[in-house]
Amino acid sequence: MRNEHVLDHYVFCLSEHAKEDNDGLLSMWRGYGGNGSGAAIVFDTGKLAVPEQSPLIIANVHYGTPERRVEWLRERITQFAGIVANSNIEDDQLWLAAFFFFERLKLFALFTKHRGFLEENEWRVVYMRDRDEGKVFDRMFSYWVGPRGVEQKLKLKIEAIPGLPETNLALPEIVDRIILGPSLSSPLARGAILKMLDTLGLSALKARVIASTIPFRAS
C-alpha cells in the first residue's frame, strides 16, 4: 500500500462553516488564512450532487486521542476476526473479506484526526483512483513544487466533469460567499479582489465578497 497505491489517494481539506458567520475563526485565519491576509471561499454544499459511483468521497473528520483510535482499530479487528470465524467463508474467497476490511481501515485512517484539531470542524474530499473505473480524473493529474520539493497533485477542475454529469462544479453555482481576512479588508484590497474577479470572468461573484470584521492585524 505504501509503496504502490498511496500516491493514488488525494485529499482536499475544508472546514465546516456556520451559515450566519461572516467573520470566521481567528485561529483558522492564523493557521490557514495567511495570518489574516488570505481569503476564505465558502461553498454551498447543498448545490453539490455526488453520485454513489463517484471516485470522490465526501465526509466529516472524526477526532480522538491516539489511544482511542488504536482502541477502535483493535475493536474492529476483533469484530472482523469473529465474523470470519463464524461465516464459513471458502478459503479461495477469504481475500475478498480481507480486501473490504482493509478498505474500511483506509477510510478510518483518512477520516480521523487528533482531537487537538477539533476546532477545525474539518471535512475532507478524498479521491481514490481504484474507484475511478472510467479514469474520469486522469486529465487532472499533475504536480506542484512546494517546500518539500516536487509532489504529485490532482488539480481538480472547477467545472462540470465529463463522465459524472450530475456533478456541476461551476464556481458561480457552488460559491456562497468569499470572506476577506481581517488583514485584507481595506477598501484598497477589496477593490483589487473585485477587479480580479472581473478579469477572471467571474463578475457574478462580486456581490458575494464580504470582509471579516475581526479586529486583528498581523504583527
N, C-alpha and C. Protein backbone atom coordinates (compact mmCIF):
# COMPACT_ATOMS: atom_id res chain seq x y z
N MET A 1 0.83 -1.21 0.00
CA MET A 1 0.00 0.00 0.00
C MET A 1 0.87 1.25 0.00
N ARG A 2 1.86 1.29 0.86
CA ARG A 2 2.70 2.49 0.99
C ARG A 2 3.52 2.72 -0.26
N ASN A 3 4.02 1.66 -0.87
CA ASN A 3 4.94 1.80 -1.99
C ASN A 3 4.25 1.89 -3.35
N GLU A 4 3.03 1.33 -3.47
CA GLU A 4 2.42 1.22 -4.80
C GLU A 4 1.10 1.99 -4.95
N HIS A 5 0.35 2.16 -3.88
CA HIS A 5 -1.01 2.68 -4.04
C HIS A 5 -1.28 4.00 -3.35
N VAL A 6 -0.48 4.36 -2.35
CA VAL A 6 -0.82 5.56 -1.57
C VAL A 6 -0.75 6.82 -2.42
N LEU A 7 0.07 6.82 -3.47
CA LEU A 7 0.18 8.00 -4.34
C LEU A 7 -1.08 8.21 -5.17
N ASP A 8 -1.96 7.23 -5.20
CA ASP A 8 -3.21 7.37 -5.95
C ASP A 8 -4.35 7.83 -5.07
N HIS A 9 -4.04 8.34 -3.88
CA HIS A 9 -5.03 8.90 -2.98
C HIS A 9 -4.76 10.39 -2.83
N TYR A 10 -5.78 11.21 -3.01
CA TYR A 10 -5.63 12.66 -2.90
C TYR A 10 -6.70 13.20 -1.96
N VAL A 11 -6.33 14.16 -1.12
CA VAL A 11 -7.22 14.67 -0.09
C VAL A 11 -7.32 16.20 -0.19
N PHE A 12 -8.56 16.69 -0.21
CA PHE A 12 -8.83 18.13 -0.20
C PHE A 12 -9.55 18.43 1.12
N CYS A 13 -8.98 19.32 1.92
CA CYS A 13 -9.49 19.59 3.26
C CYS A 13 -10.25 20.91 3.32
N LEU A 14 -11.40 20.89 4.00
CA LEU A 14 -12.21 22.08 4.20
C LEU A 14 -12.63 22.16 5.65
N SER A 15 -13.24 23.27 6.02
CA SER A 15 -13.73 23.46 7.38
C SER A 15 -15.21 23.78 7.34
N GLU A 16 -15.99 23.12 8.19
CA GLU A 16 -17.42 23.40 8.24
C GLU A 16 -17.64 24.84 8.72
N HIS A 17 -18.52 25.54 8.04
CA HIS A 17 -18.72 26.96 8.32
C HIS A 17 -20.18 27.24 8.64
N ALA A 18 -20.41 27.92 9.76
CA ALA A 18 -21.78 28.27 10.15
C ALA A 18 -22.38 29.27 9.15
N LYS A 19 -23.59 29.04 8.74
CA LYS A 19 -24.21 29.84 7.69
C LYS A 19 -24.28 31.33 8.03
N GLU A 20 -24.48 31.64 9.32
CA GLU A 20 -24.63 33.04 9.72
C GLU A 20 -23.30 33.72 10.04
N ASP A 21 -22.20 33.02 9.94
CA ASP A 21 -20.90 33.55 10.32
C ASP A 21 -20.24 34.25 9.13
N ASN A 22 -20.01 35.54 9.24
CA ASN A 22 -19.33 36.30 8.19
C ASN A 22 -17.93 36.73 8.59
N ASP A 23 -17.43 36.21 9.71
CA ASP A 23 -16.12 36.59 10.20
C ASP A 23 -15.10 35.46 10.15
N GLY A 24 -15.51 34.24 10.42
CA GLY A 24 -14.57 33.13 10.50
C GLY A 24 -13.90 33.09 11.87
N LEU A 25 -13.11 32.04 12.09
CA LEU A 25 -12.42 31.87 13.36
C LEU A 25 -11.01 32.45 13.27
N LEU A 26 -10.61 33.19 14.29
CA LEU A 26 -9.27 33.78 14.29
C LEU A 26 -8.19 32.71 14.20
N SER A 27 -8.40 31.57 14.89
CA SER A 27 -7.40 30.50 14.85
C SER A 27 -7.22 29.95 13.45
N MET A 28 -8.31 29.90 12.67
CA MET A 28 -8.21 29.41 11.30
C MET A 28 -7.53 30.43 10.40
N TRP A 29 -7.82 31.72 10.61
CA TRP A 29 -7.14 32.75 9.82
C TRP A 29 -5.64 32.69 10.07
N ARG A 30 -5.26 32.51 11.33
CA ARG A 30 -3.84 32.46 11.66
C ARG A 30 -3.17 31.21 11.11
N GLY A 31 -3.86 30.08 11.21
CA GLY A 31 -3.23 28.83 10.82
C GLY A 31 -3.26 28.54 9.33
N TYR A 32 -4.35 28.94 8.65
CA TYR A 32 -4.52 28.55 7.26
C TYR A 32 -4.85 29.71 6.33
N GLY A 33 -5.08 30.88 6.88
CA GLY A 33 -5.51 32.01 6.06
C GLY A 33 -4.49 33.10 5.93
N GLY A 34 -3.21 32.71 5.78
CA GLY A 34 -2.17 33.71 5.56
C GLY A 34 -2.02 34.68 6.71
N ASN A 35 -2.24 34.18 7.94
CA ASN A 35 -2.16 35.03 9.14
C ASN A 35 -3.08 36.24 9.02
N GLY A 36 -4.26 35.98 8.44
CA GLY A 36 -5.26 37.03 8.34
C GLY A 36 -5.27 37.77 7.02
N SER A 37 -4.29 37.51 6.16
CA SER A 37 -4.21 38.25 4.90
C SER A 37 -4.72 37.44 3.71
N GLY A 38 -5.38 36.32 3.98
CA GLY A 38 -5.92 35.49 2.91
C GLY A 38 -7.41 35.70 2.74
N ALA A 39 -8.05 34.76 2.10
CA ALA A 39 -9.49 34.81 1.88
C ALA A 39 -10.07 33.42 2.06
N ALA A 40 -11.30 33.35 2.50
CA ALA A 40 -11.98 32.07 2.69
C ALA A 40 -13.12 31.96 1.68
N ILE A 41 -13.14 30.90 0.92
CA ILE A 41 -14.22 30.64 -0.03
C ILE A 41 -15.21 29.70 0.64
N VAL A 42 -16.43 30.15 0.77
CA VAL A 42 -17.48 29.36 1.42
C VAL A 42 -18.31 28.67 0.32
N PHE A 43 -18.31 27.35 0.33
CA PHE A 43 -19.06 26.59 -0.67
C PHE A 43 -20.43 26.20 -0.11
N ASP A 44 -21.43 26.26 -0.95
CA ASP A 44 -22.77 25.81 -0.59
C ASP A 44 -22.87 24.34 -0.98
N THR A 45 -22.67 23.45 0.00
CA THR A 45 -22.66 22.02 -0.31
C THR A 45 -24.03 21.50 -0.71
N GLY A 46 -25.07 22.29 -0.43
CA GLY A 46 -26.40 21.88 -0.87
C GLY A 46 -26.53 21.89 -2.37
N LYS A 47 -25.60 22.56 -3.06
CA LYS A 47 -25.63 22.62 -4.52
C LYS A 47 -24.84 21.46 -5.15
N LEU A 48 -24.19 20.65 -4.33
CA LEU A 48 -23.38 19.55 -4.86
C LEU A 48 -24.16 18.25 -4.84
N ALA A 49 -24.04 17.51 -5.93
CA ALA A 49 -24.64 16.19 -6.01
C ALA A 49 -23.54 15.20 -6.35
N VAL A 50 -23.17 14.37 -5.40
CA VAL A 50 -22.09 13.41 -5.63
C VAL A 50 -22.70 12.03 -5.84
N PRO A 51 -22.65 11.51 -7.06
CA PRO A 51 -23.23 10.19 -7.33
C PRO A 51 -22.55 9.11 -6.51
N GLU A 52 -23.29 8.07 -6.18
CA GLU A 52 -22.73 6.98 -5.37
C GLU A 52 -21.51 6.37 -6.02
N GLN A 53 -21.48 6.34 -7.35
CA GLN A 53 -20.36 5.72 -8.06
C GLN A 53 -19.19 6.67 -8.26
N SER A 54 -19.27 7.86 -7.69
CA SER A 54 -18.20 8.84 -7.86
C SER A 54 -16.90 8.37 -7.21
N PRO A 55 -15.75 8.67 -7.82
CA PRO A 55 -14.46 8.37 -7.19
C PRO A 55 -14.18 9.25 -5.99
N LEU A 56 -15.00 10.28 -5.78
CA LEU A 56 -14.82 11.19 -4.65
C LEU A 56 -15.68 10.75 -3.46
N ILE A 57 -15.08 10.77 -2.28
CA ILE A 57 -15.81 10.50 -1.04
C ILE A 57 -15.77 11.78 -0.22
N ILE A 58 -16.93 12.28 0.19
CA ILE A 58 -17.02 13.50 0.99
C ILE A 58 -17.58 13.12 2.35
N ALA A 59 -16.83 13.43 3.42
CA ALA A 59 -17.29 13.08 4.76
C ALA A 59 -16.57 13.96 5.78
N ASN A 60 -17.16 14.05 6.96
CA ASN A 60 -16.54 14.83 8.03
C ASN A 60 -15.49 14.01 8.76
N VAL A 61 -14.56 14.70 9.38
CA VAL A 61 -13.46 14.07 10.11
C VAL A 61 -13.90 13.80 11.55
N HIS A 62 -13.50 12.65 12.08
CA HIS A 62 -13.77 12.31 13.48
C HIS A 62 -12.47 12.49 14.27
N TYR A 63 -12.61 13.03 15.47
CA TYR A 63 -11.44 13.35 16.28
C TYR A 63 -11.36 12.44 17.51
N GLY A 64 -10.14 12.16 17.92
CA GLY A 64 -9.96 11.34 19.11
C GLY A 64 -8.51 11.33 19.55
N THR A 65 -8.27 10.78 20.72
CA THR A 65 -6.90 10.64 21.21
C THR A 65 -6.22 9.51 20.46
N PRO A 66 -4.90 9.49 20.41
CA PRO A 66 -4.20 8.35 19.78
C PRO A 66 -4.62 7.02 20.41
N GLU A 67 -4.80 7.03 21.72
CA GLU A 67 -5.18 5.79 22.41
C GLU A 67 -6.56 5.30 21.97
N ARG A 68 -7.50 6.23 21.83
CA ARG A 68 -8.85 5.84 21.42
C ARG A 68 -8.87 5.35 19.98
N ARG A 69 -8.06 5.92 19.13
CA ARG A 69 -8.03 5.49 17.73
C ARG A 69 -7.43 4.09 17.62
N VAL A 70 -6.39 3.80 18.40
CA VAL A 70 -5.82 2.46 18.41
C VAL A 70 -6.82 1.46 18.97
N GLU A 71 -7.55 1.88 20.02
CA GLU A 71 -8.56 1.02 20.61
C GLU A 71 -9.65 0.68 19.59
N TRP A 72 -10.05 1.68 18.79
CA TRP A 72 -11.06 1.44 17.75
C TRP A 72 -10.58 0.38 16.77
N LEU A 73 -9.32 0.50 16.36
CA LEU A 73 -8.76 -0.48 15.43
C LEU A 73 -8.78 -1.89 16.02
N ARG A 74 -8.38 -2.00 17.28
CA ARG A 74 -8.38 -3.31 17.94
C ARG A 74 -9.79 -3.89 18.02
N GLU A 75 -10.76 -3.04 18.31
CA GLU A 75 -12.15 -3.49 18.38
C GLU A 75 -12.63 -4.01 17.03
N ARG A 76 -12.30 -3.27 15.95
CA ARG A 76 -12.74 -3.68 14.62
C ARG A 76 -12.05 -4.96 14.17
N ILE A 77 -10.76 -5.10 14.50
CA ILE A 77 -10.03 -6.32 14.12
C ILE A 77 -10.62 -7.53 14.82
N THR A 78 -10.93 -7.37 16.12
CA THR A 78 -11.55 -8.47 16.87
C THR A 78 -12.91 -8.81 16.30
N GLN A 79 -13.68 -7.78 15.96
CA GLN A 79 -15.00 -7.99 15.37
C GLN A 79 -14.89 -8.70 14.02
N PHE A 80 -13.95 -8.28 13.20
CA PHE A 80 -13.77 -8.88 11.89
C PHE A 80 -13.34 -10.35 12.01
N ALA A 81 -12.44 -10.62 12.94
CA ALA A 81 -11.98 -12.00 13.13
C ALA A 81 -13.15 -12.89 13.54
N GLY A 82 -14.04 -12.37 14.39
CA GLY A 82 -15.20 -13.14 14.80
C GLY A 82 -16.15 -13.41 13.65
N ILE A 83 -16.35 -12.40 12.81
CA ILE A 83 -17.22 -12.58 11.64
C ILE A 83 -16.66 -13.64 10.70
N VAL A 84 -15.37 -13.58 10.43
CA VAL A 84 -14.74 -14.55 9.53
C VAL A 84 -14.82 -15.96 10.11
N ALA A 85 -14.58 -16.08 11.42
CA ALA A 85 -14.59 -17.39 12.07
C ALA A 85 -15.96 -18.05 12.02
N ASN A 86 -17.02 -17.24 11.99
CA ASN A 86 -18.39 -17.79 12.05
C ASN A 86 -19.12 -17.75 10.71
N SER A 87 -18.41 -17.44 9.63
CA SER A 87 -19.09 -17.26 8.35
C SER A 87 -18.86 -18.38 7.35
N ASN A 88 -18.04 -19.34 7.69
CA ASN A 88 -17.76 -20.46 6.78
C ASN A 88 -17.37 -19.99 5.38
N ILE A 89 -16.50 -19.01 5.34
CA ILE A 89 -16.04 -18.49 4.05
C ILE A 89 -15.03 -19.47 3.44
N GLU A 90 -15.22 -19.76 2.16
CA GLU A 90 -14.29 -20.65 1.47
C GLU A 90 -12.90 -20.02 1.42
N ASP A 91 -11.88 -20.86 1.48
CA ASP A 91 -10.50 -20.35 1.51
C ASP A 91 -10.20 -19.44 0.33
N ASP A 92 -10.71 -19.80 -0.85
CA ASP A 92 -10.39 -19.00 -2.03
C ASP A 92 -11.19 -17.70 -2.09
N GLN A 93 -12.06 -17.48 -1.09
CA GLN A 93 -12.82 -16.24 -1.03
C GLN A 93 -12.40 -15.34 0.14
N LEU A 94 -11.46 -15.81 0.94
CA LEU A 94 -11.03 -15.03 2.09
C LEU A 94 -10.42 -13.69 1.69
N TRP A 95 -9.80 -13.66 0.52
CA TRP A 95 -9.18 -12.41 0.09
C TRP A 95 -10.22 -11.31 -0.08
N LEU A 96 -11.45 -11.67 -0.45
CA LEU A 96 -12.49 -10.67 -0.61
C LEU A 96 -12.83 -10.02 0.73
N ALA A 97 -12.97 -10.85 1.75
CA ALA A 97 -13.25 -10.31 3.08
C ALA A 97 -12.10 -9.43 3.55
N ALA A 98 -10.88 -9.88 3.33
CA ALA A 98 -9.71 -9.10 3.75
C ALA A 98 -9.63 -7.78 2.99
N PHE A 99 -9.96 -7.83 1.70
CA PHE A 99 -9.91 -6.62 0.87
C PHE A 99 -10.87 -5.56 1.40
N PHE A 100 -12.13 -5.94 1.64
CA PHE A 100 -13.12 -4.96 2.06
C PHE A 100 -12.85 -4.47 3.48
N PHE A 101 -12.29 -5.33 4.32
CA PHE A 101 -11.93 -4.87 5.66
C PHE A 101 -10.79 -3.86 5.58
N PHE A 102 -9.83 -4.11 4.71
CA PHE A 102 -8.72 -3.17 4.54
C PHE A 102 -9.23 -1.83 4.01
N GLU A 103 -10.20 -1.88 3.08
CA GLU A 103 -10.79 -0.64 2.57
C GLU A 103 -11.43 0.16 3.70
N ARG A 104 -12.06 -0.53 4.64
CA ARG A 104 -12.67 0.15 5.79
C ARG A 104 -11.60 0.79 6.66
N LEU A 105 -10.48 0.10 6.85
CA LEU A 105 -9.39 0.66 7.64
C LEU A 105 -8.80 1.88 6.95
N LYS A 106 -8.74 1.88 5.63
CA LYS A 106 -8.24 3.05 4.91
C LYS A 106 -9.14 4.26 5.16
N LEU A 107 -10.44 4.05 5.13
CA LEU A 107 -11.36 5.16 5.38
C LEU A 107 -11.18 5.70 6.80
N PHE A 108 -10.96 4.80 7.74
CA PHE A 108 -10.72 5.23 9.11
C PHE A 108 -9.47 6.11 9.18
N ALA A 109 -8.41 5.69 8.49
CA ALA A 109 -7.17 6.47 8.50
C ALA A 109 -7.36 7.83 7.84
N LEU A 110 -8.15 7.87 6.78
CA LEU A 110 -8.33 9.10 6.02
C LEU A 110 -9.28 10.09 6.70
N PHE A 111 -10.17 9.60 7.54
CA PHE A 111 -11.19 10.49 8.10
C PHE A 111 -11.14 10.56 9.63
N THR A 112 -9.97 10.35 10.22
CA THR A 112 -9.81 10.57 11.66
C THR A 112 -8.59 11.45 11.89
N LYS A 113 -8.57 12.11 13.05
CA LYS A 113 -7.51 13.07 13.34
C LYS A 113 -7.40 13.26 14.86
N HIS A 114 -6.25 13.74 15.29
CA HIS A 114 -6.03 14.01 16.71
C HIS A 114 -7.04 15.04 17.21
N ARG A 115 -7.53 14.84 18.42
CA ARG A 115 -8.59 15.72 18.95
C ARG A 115 -8.12 17.16 19.16
N GLY A 116 -6.81 17.39 19.14
CA GLY A 116 -6.30 18.75 19.27
C GLY A 116 -6.72 19.65 18.12
N PHE A 117 -7.18 19.04 17.01
CA PHE A 117 -7.62 19.81 15.84
C PHE A 117 -9.14 19.97 15.79
N LEU A 118 -9.81 19.66 16.89
CA LEU A 118 -11.28 19.64 16.90
C LEU A 118 -11.90 20.94 16.42
N GLU A 119 -11.28 22.07 16.73
CA GLU A 119 -11.86 23.38 16.39
C GLU A 119 -11.99 23.57 14.87
N GLU A 120 -11.22 22.80 14.11
CA GLU A 120 -11.27 22.97 12.65
C GLU A 120 -12.60 22.52 12.04
N ASN A 121 -13.32 21.60 12.72
CA ASN A 121 -14.56 21.06 12.14
C ASN A 121 -14.33 20.62 10.70
N GLU A 122 -13.32 19.81 10.51
CA GLU A 122 -12.86 19.51 9.15
C GLU A 122 -13.75 18.51 8.41
N TRP A 123 -13.90 18.78 7.14
CA TRP A 123 -14.47 17.83 6.18
C TRP A 123 -13.40 17.56 5.13
N ARG A 124 -13.45 16.39 4.54
CA ARG A 124 -12.47 16.05 3.51
C ARG A 124 -13.15 15.49 2.26
N VAL A 125 -12.57 15.86 1.13
CA VAL A 125 -12.95 15.26 -0.15
C VAL A 125 -11.78 14.37 -0.54
N VAL A 126 -12.01 13.08 -0.61
CA VAL A 126 -10.94 12.12 -0.87
C VAL A 126 -11.17 11.46 -2.23
N TYR A 127 -10.12 11.47 -3.04
CA TYR A 127 -10.16 10.78 -4.34
C TYR A 127 -9.32 9.51 -4.24
N MET A 128 -9.91 8.38 -4.65
CA MET A 128 -9.20 7.10 -4.71
C MET A 128 -9.24 6.61 -6.15
N ARG A 129 -8.08 6.43 -6.73
CA ARG A 129 -8.05 6.09 -8.15
C ARG A 129 -8.66 4.72 -8.44
N ASP A 130 -8.59 3.79 -7.49
CA ASP A 130 -9.16 2.48 -7.78
C ASP A 130 -10.68 2.52 -7.86
N ARG A 131 -11.29 3.61 -7.40
CA ARG A 131 -12.73 3.79 -7.56
C ARG A 131 -13.08 4.46 -8.88
N ASP A 132 -12.07 5.01 -9.55
CA ASP A 132 -12.28 5.76 -10.79
C ASP A 132 -12.13 4.82 -11.98
N GLU A 133 -13.09 3.93 -12.15
CA GLU A 133 -13.00 2.92 -13.20
C GLU A 133 -12.99 3.54 -14.59
N GLY A 134 -13.65 4.66 -14.77
CA GLY A 134 -13.67 5.31 -16.07
C GLY A 134 -12.50 6.24 -16.30
N LYS A 135 -11.58 6.32 -15.32
CA LYS A 135 -10.40 7.21 -15.40
C LYS A 135 -10.82 8.66 -15.74
N VAL A 136 -11.94 9.07 -15.13
CA VAL A 136 -12.50 10.40 -15.39
C VAL A 136 -11.55 11.51 -14.97
N PHE A 137 -10.78 11.26 -13.91
CA PHE A 137 -9.93 12.31 -13.35
C PHE A 137 -8.48 12.27 -13.83
N ASP A 138 -8.17 11.35 -14.73
CA ASP A 138 -6.78 11.21 -15.18
C ASP A 138 -6.22 12.51 -15.76
N ARG A 139 -7.05 13.27 -16.44
CA ARG A 139 -6.59 14.50 -17.09
C ARG A 139 -6.22 15.58 -16.07
N MET A 140 -6.59 15.35 -14.82
CA MET A 140 -6.31 16.34 -13.78
C MET A 140 -5.05 16.02 -12.97
N PHE A 141 -4.42 14.88 -13.25
CA PHE A 141 -3.18 14.54 -12.55
C PHE A 141 -2.08 15.50 -12.97
N SER A 142 -1.37 16.04 -12.01
CA SER A 142 -0.32 17.00 -12.31
C SER A 142 0.72 16.97 -11.18
N TYR A 143 1.40 18.08 -11.00
CA TYR A 143 2.43 18.16 -9.97
C TYR A 143 2.43 19.57 -9.38
N TRP A 144 3.15 19.72 -8.28
CA TRP A 144 3.28 21.01 -7.61
C TRP A 144 4.66 21.07 -6.97
N VAL A 145 5.32 22.21 -7.10
CA VAL A 145 6.63 22.40 -6.49
C VAL A 145 6.43 23.23 -5.22
N GLY A 146 6.67 22.61 -4.07
CA GLY A 146 6.45 23.28 -2.80
C GLY A 146 7.64 23.18 -1.88
N PRO A 147 7.45 23.45 -0.60
CA PRO A 147 8.56 23.42 0.37
C PRO A 147 9.25 22.06 0.46
N ARG A 148 8.51 20.99 0.13
CA ARG A 148 9.09 19.64 0.20
C ARG A 148 9.57 19.14 -1.16
N GLY A 149 9.65 20.06 -2.13
CA GLY A 149 10.10 19.67 -3.46
C GLY A 149 8.91 19.37 -4.37
N VAL A 150 9.15 18.56 -5.40
CA VAL A 150 8.10 18.23 -6.37
C VAL A 150 7.18 17.16 -5.78
N GLU A 151 5.88 17.41 -5.82
CA GLU A 151 4.89 16.47 -5.32
C GLU A 151 3.80 16.25 -6.36
N GLN A 152 3.25 15.04 -6.38
CA GLN A 152 2.12 14.76 -7.25
C GLN A 152 0.88 15.47 -6.72
N LYS A 153 0.07 15.99 -7.63
CA LYS A 153 -1.16 16.67 -7.26
C LYS A 153 -2.28 16.28 -8.21
N LEU A 154 -3.49 16.26 -7.67
CA LEU A 154 -4.67 16.17 -8.52
C LEU A 154 -5.28 17.57 -8.51
N LYS A 155 -5.20 18.26 -9.63
CA LYS A 155 -5.70 19.63 -9.73
C LYS A 155 -7.13 19.59 -10.24
N LEU A 156 -8.06 19.60 -9.30
CA LEU A 156 -9.48 19.45 -9.62
C LEU A 156 -9.99 20.64 -10.41
N LYS A 157 -10.52 20.37 -11.57
CA LYS A 157 -11.09 21.43 -12.41
C LYS A 157 -12.46 21.81 -11.86
N ILE A 158 -12.64 23.10 -11.60
CA ILE A 158 -13.93 23.57 -11.07
C ILE A 158 -14.86 23.78 -12.26
N GLU A 159 -15.45 22.70 -12.68
CA GLU A 159 -16.32 22.70 -13.86
C GLU A 159 -17.12 21.42 -13.86
N ALA A 160 -18.10 21.33 -14.74
CA ALA A 160 -18.82 20.08 -14.91
C ALA A 160 -17.83 19.01 -15.37
N ILE A 161 -17.89 17.84 -14.76
CA ILE A 161 -16.90 16.79 -15.05
C ILE A 161 -17.49 15.77 -16.00
N PRO A 162 -16.92 15.64 -17.21
CA PRO A 162 -17.40 14.62 -18.15
C PRO A 162 -17.33 13.24 -17.51
N GLY A 163 -18.38 12.47 -17.69
CA GLY A 163 -18.43 11.15 -17.09
C GLY A 163 -19.18 11.15 -15.77
N LEU A 164 -19.33 12.33 -15.18
CA LEU A 164 -20.13 12.49 -13.95
C LEU A 164 -21.11 13.64 -14.18
N PRO A 165 -22.10 13.45 -15.03
CA PRO A 165 -22.98 14.55 -15.44
C PRO A 165 -23.76 15.17 -14.30
N GLU A 166 -23.94 14.45 -13.19
CA GLU A 166 -24.71 15.02 -12.08
C GLU A 166 -23.89 16.02 -11.27
N THR A 167 -22.59 16.05 -11.51
CA THR A 167 -21.72 16.90 -10.71
C THR A 167 -21.44 18.21 -11.44
N ASN A 168 -22.04 19.31 -10.96
CA ASN A 168 -21.83 20.63 -11.55
C ASN A 168 -20.97 21.45 -10.60
N LEU A 169 -19.71 21.68 -10.98
CA LEU A 169 -18.78 22.39 -10.12
C LEU A 169 -18.51 23.81 -10.61
N ALA A 170 -19.43 24.41 -11.34
CA ALA A 170 -19.23 25.78 -11.79
C ALA A 170 -19.18 26.69 -10.58
N LEU A 171 -18.17 27.56 -10.53
CA LEU A 171 -17.97 28.41 -9.35
C LEU A 171 -19.19 29.27 -9.00
N PRO A 172 -19.82 29.95 -9.98
CA PRO A 172 -20.99 30.76 -9.61
C PRO A 172 -22.12 29.95 -8.99
N GLU A 173 -22.13 28.64 -9.24
CA GLU A 173 -23.18 27.79 -8.71
C GLU A 173 -22.90 27.37 -7.27
N ILE A 174 -21.67 27.09 -6.94
CA ILE A 174 -21.37 26.47 -5.64
C ILE A 174 -20.74 27.43 -4.62
N VAL A 175 -20.28 28.61 -5.04
CA VAL A 175 -19.68 29.55 -4.09
C VAL A 175 -20.78 30.39 -3.44
N ASP A 176 -20.89 30.28 -2.13
CA ASP A 176 -21.90 31.03 -1.39
C ASP A 176 -21.41 32.45 -1.10
N ARG A 177 -20.14 32.58 -0.68
CA ARG A 177 -19.55 33.90 -0.42
C ARG A 177 -18.04 33.76 -0.33
N ILE A 178 -17.37 34.89 -0.41
CA ILE A 178 -15.92 34.96 -0.26
C ILE A 178 -15.64 35.93 0.88
N ILE A 179 -15.02 35.43 1.94
CA ILE A 179 -14.75 36.27 3.12
C ILE A 179 -13.29 36.71 3.09
N LEU A 180 -13.06 38.00 3.03
CA LEU A 180 -11.70 38.52 3.07
C LEU A 180 -11.20 38.51 4.50
N GLY A 181 -9.94 38.11 4.68
CA GLY A 181 -9.37 38.00 6.01
C GLY A 181 -9.26 39.34 6.71
N PRO A 182 -9.10 39.33 8.04
CA PRO A 182 -9.04 40.57 8.83
C PRO A 182 -7.96 41.55 8.36
N SER A 183 -6.87 41.02 7.80
CA SER A 183 -5.78 41.90 7.34
C SER A 183 -5.91 42.27 5.87
N LEU A 184 -7.00 41.81 5.24
CA LEU A 184 -7.19 42.06 3.81
C LEU A 184 -8.52 42.78 3.57
N SER A 185 -8.99 43.47 4.56
CA SER A 185 -10.34 44.04 4.48
C SER A 185 -10.37 45.54 4.19
N SER A 186 -9.25 46.11 3.78
CA SER A 186 -9.23 47.54 3.46
C SER A 186 -9.95 47.79 2.14
N PRO A 187 -10.46 48.99 1.92
CA PRO A 187 -11.12 49.31 0.64
C PRO A 187 -10.20 49.06 -0.56
N LEU A 188 -8.91 49.31 -0.40
CA LEU A 188 -7.96 49.09 -1.49
C LEU A 188 -7.88 47.61 -1.84
N ALA A 189 -7.77 46.76 -0.81
CA ALA A 189 -7.68 45.32 -1.04
C ALA A 189 -8.99 44.79 -1.64
N ARG A 190 -10.12 45.25 -1.12
CA ARG A 190 -11.41 44.80 -1.64
C ARG A 190 -11.56 45.18 -3.11
N GLY A 191 -11.15 46.39 -3.45
CA GLY A 191 -11.23 46.82 -4.85
C GLY A 191 -10.38 45.95 -5.75
N ALA A 192 -9.21 45.54 -5.27
CA ALA A 192 -8.34 44.69 -6.07
C ALA A 192 -8.97 43.31 -6.28
N ILE A 193 -9.63 42.78 -5.24
CA ILE A 193 -10.29 41.49 -5.36
C ILE A 193 -11.43 41.56 -6.38
N LEU A 194 -12.21 42.63 -6.33
CA LEU A 194 -13.31 42.79 -7.27
C LEU A 194 -12.80 42.89 -8.70
N LYS A 195 -11.69 43.61 -8.88
CA LYS A 195 -11.09 43.71 -10.21
C LYS A 195 -10.59 42.35 -10.68
N MET A 196 -10.02 41.58 -9.78
CA MET A 196 -9.54 40.25 -10.13
C MET A 196 -10.68 39.37 -10.62
N LEU A 197 -11.84 39.44 -9.95
CA LEU A 197 -12.98 38.63 -10.36
C LEU A 197 -13.47 39.04 -11.74
N ASP A 198 -13.47 40.35 -12.03
CA ASP A 198 -13.83 40.81 -13.37
C ASP A 198 -12.87 40.22 -14.41
N THR A 199 -11.59 40.28 -14.11
CA THR A 199 -10.57 39.80 -15.04
C THR A 199 -10.71 38.30 -15.31
N LEU A 200 -11.12 37.56 -14.29
CA LEU A 200 -11.27 36.11 -14.42
C LEU A 200 -12.62 35.70 -15.02
N GLY A 201 -13.44 36.68 -15.35
CA GLY A 201 -14.75 36.38 -15.90
C GLY A 201 -15.73 35.85 -14.85
N LEU A 202 -15.51 36.23 -13.60
CA LEU A 202 -16.35 35.76 -12.50
C LEU A 202 -17.04 36.94 -11.81
N SER A 203 -17.49 37.89 -12.60
CA SER A 203 -18.12 39.09 -12.05
C SER A 203 -19.35 38.77 -11.21
N ALA A 204 -19.97 37.62 -11.47
CA ALA A 204 -21.17 37.24 -10.72
C ALA A 204 -20.87 37.05 -9.23
N LEU A 205 -19.60 36.83 -8.91
CA LEU A 205 -19.22 36.60 -7.52
C LEU A 205 -18.95 37.89 -6.75
N LYS A 206 -18.89 39.01 -7.43
CA LYS A 206 -18.51 40.26 -6.76
C LYS A 206 -19.46 40.63 -5.63
N ALA A 207 -20.74 40.39 -5.83
CA ALA A 207 -21.73 40.74 -4.81
C ALA A 207 -21.63 39.84 -3.58
N ARG A 208 -20.85 38.77 -3.69
CA ARG A 208 -20.74 37.82 -2.58
C ARG A 208 -19.45 38.02 -1.78
N VAL A 209 -18.70 39.05 -2.09
CA VAL A 209 -17.45 39.33 -1.38
C VAL A 209 -17.76 40.16 -0.14
N ILE A 210 -17.36 39.67 1.02
CA ILE A 210 -17.53 40.39 2.27
C ILE A 210 -16.21 40.38 3.02
N ALA A 211 -16.10 41.18 4.05
CA ALA A 211 -14.85 41.29 4.80
C ALA A 211 -15.08 40.89 6.25
N SER A 212 -14.16 40.10 6.79
CA SER A 212 -14.21 39.75 8.20
C SER A 212 -14.04 41.01 9.05
N THR A 213 -14.81 41.10 10.12
CA THR A 213 -14.73 42.28 10.98
C THR A 213 -13.89 42.04 12.24
N ILE A 214 -13.21 40.88 12.30
CA ILE A 214 -12.37 40.61 13.47
C ILE A 214 -11.28 41.68 13.56
N PRO A 215 -11.14 42.35 14.69
CA PRO A 215 -10.13 43.42 14.82
C PRO A 215 -8.72 42.85 15.02
N PHE A 216 -8.21 42.22 13.99
CA PHE A 216 -6.90 41.57 14.08
C PHE A 216 -5.99 42.11 12.98
N ARG A 217 -4.80 42.48 13.36
CA ARG A 217 -3.79 42.88 12.40
C ARG A 217 -2.52 42.11 12.71
N ALA A 218 -2.02 41.38 11.73
CA ALA A 218 -0.82 40.57 11.95
C ALA A 218 0.37 41.49 12.24
N SER A 219 1.18 41.08 13.20
CA SER A 219 2.36 41.89 13.55
C SER A 219 3.52 41.57 12.62
